[in-house]
Amino acid sequence: MDRANVTQHLTDYLAGYGRSNRHNLAEVAGYADWQARAQGELERRMTRLMETLPDYLVAAIAAGEVDLADVARGLLAAEPANPVDL
């Protein structure tokens, strides 16, 4: 997704968010470190993915026996892209 589309999606989301509570939108506007917060959120989401895997798969990933990213890339290469995800 290009930068203009990402910006428009975020604008639309925040417009809806701000409609119900302008005070919260003002807090969003005043927060200075959204990039670091977003990085932390990505880490949390990846952790949540790991929490869903059975122990033996987590152990195999930790031991370097299998590469989670390689498996995901293989799936992406084998399946056509879903237009909703673009």
Protein backbone atom coordinates (compact mmCIF):
# COMPACT_ATOMS: atom_id res chain seq x y z
CA MET A 1 0.00 0.00 0.00
CA ASP A 2 1.45 3.37 -0.93
CA ARG A 3 1.97 6.25 1.49
CA ALA A 4 -1.05 8.22 0.22
CA ASN A 5 -3.36 5.26 0.79
CA VAL A 6 -1.93 4.60 4.24
CA THR A 7 -2.34 8.26 5.17
CA GLN A 8 -5.92 8.29 3.89
CA HIS A 9 -6.82 5.12 5.81
CA LEU A 10 -5.34 6.56 8.99
CA THR A 11 -7.14 9.86 8.41
CA ASP A 12 -10.46 8.05 7.96
CA TYR A 13 -9.89 5.96 11.07
CA LEU A 14 -8.94 8.94 13.22
CA ALA A 15 -11.87 10.98 11.89
CA GLY A 16 -14.23 8.26 13.14
CA TYR A 17 -12.31 7.96 16.40
CA GLY A 18 -12.48 11.72 16.95
CA ARG A 19 -16.19 11.95 16.19
CA SER A 20 -17.03 10.05 19.34
CA ASN A 21 -14.45 11.73 21.57
CA ARG A 22 -12.53 14.85 20.55
CA HIS A 23 -10.63 14.79 23.84
CA ASN A 24 -9.08 11.42 22.96
CA LEU A 25 -8.21 12.72 19.49
CA ALA A 26 -6.49 15.70 21.11
CA GLU A 27 -4.48 13.30 23.27
CA VAL A 28 -3.44 11.41 20.13
CA ALA A 29 -2.36 14.70 18.55
CA GLY A 30 -0.33 15.61 21.62
CA TYR A 31 1.52 12.32 21.96
CA ALA A 32 5.02 12.66 20.51
CA ASP A 33 6.33 9.12 20.09
CA TRP A 34 3.82 7.13 18.03
CA GLN A 35 6.59 5.47 16.01
CA ALA A 36 8.08 3.83 19.12
CA ARG A 37 4.60 2.92 20.37
CA ALA A 38 3.79 1.29 17.03
CA GLN A 39 7.05 -0.69 17.11
CA GLY A 40 6.14 -1.94 20.57
CA GLU A 41 2.70 -2.92 19.30
CA LEU A 42 4.23 -4.89 16.43
CA GLU A 43 6.43 -6.75 18.92
CA ARG A 44 3.40 -7.48 21.10
CA ARG A 45 1.44 -8.83 18.12
CA MET A 46 4.33 -11.09 17.10
CA THR A 47 4.49 -12.33 20.68
CA ARG A 48 0.78 -13.10 20.54
CA LEU A 49 1.38 -15.18 17.41
CA MET A 50 4.10 -17.15 19.22
CA GLU A 51 1.74 -17.72 22.15
CA THR A 52 -0.70 -19.51 19.83
CA LEU A 53 1.89 -22.04 18.62
CA PRO A 54 2.30 -25.39 20.32
CA ASP A 55 5.38 -25.79 22.52
CA TYR A 56 7.15 -28.13 20.09
CA LEU A 57 6.95 -25.52 17.29
CA VAL A 58 8.20 -22.73 19.54
CA ALA A 59 11.06 -25.00 20.62
CA ALA A 60 11.91 -25.78 16.99
CA ILE A 61 11.92 -22.08 16.11
CA ALA A 62 14.06 -21.26 19.15
CA ALA A 63 16.55 -24.00 18.24
CA GLY A 64 16.81 -22.73 14.67
CA GLU A 65 15.40 -25.96 13.26
CA VAL A 66 12.74 -24.05 11.35
CA ASP A 67 12.51 -20.40 10.30
CA LEU A 68 9.06 -18.92 10.83
CA ALA A 69 9.69 -16.11 8.35
CA ASP A 70 10.87 -18.58 5.68
CA VAL A 71 7.71 -20.65 6.09
CA ALA A 72 5.55 -17.51 5.85
CA ARG A 73 7.42 -16.33 2.74
CA GLY A 74 6.88 -19.74 1.15
CA LEU A 75 3.16 -19.48 1.78
CA LEU A 76 3.03 -15.97 0.35
CA ALA A 77 4.89 -17.06 -2.76
CA ALA A 78 2.59 -20.04 -3.28
CA GLU A 79 -0.73 -18.20 -2.88
CA PRO A 80 -2.09 -15.32 -4.93
CA ALA A 81 -2.51 -12.06 -3.05
CA ASN A 82 -5.92 -11.24 -1.63
CA PRO A 83 -6.96 -7.77 -2.94
CA VAL A 84 -8.30 -6.91 0.53
CA ASP A 85 -4.78 -7.28 1.97
CA LEU A 86 -3.18 -4.89 -0.52
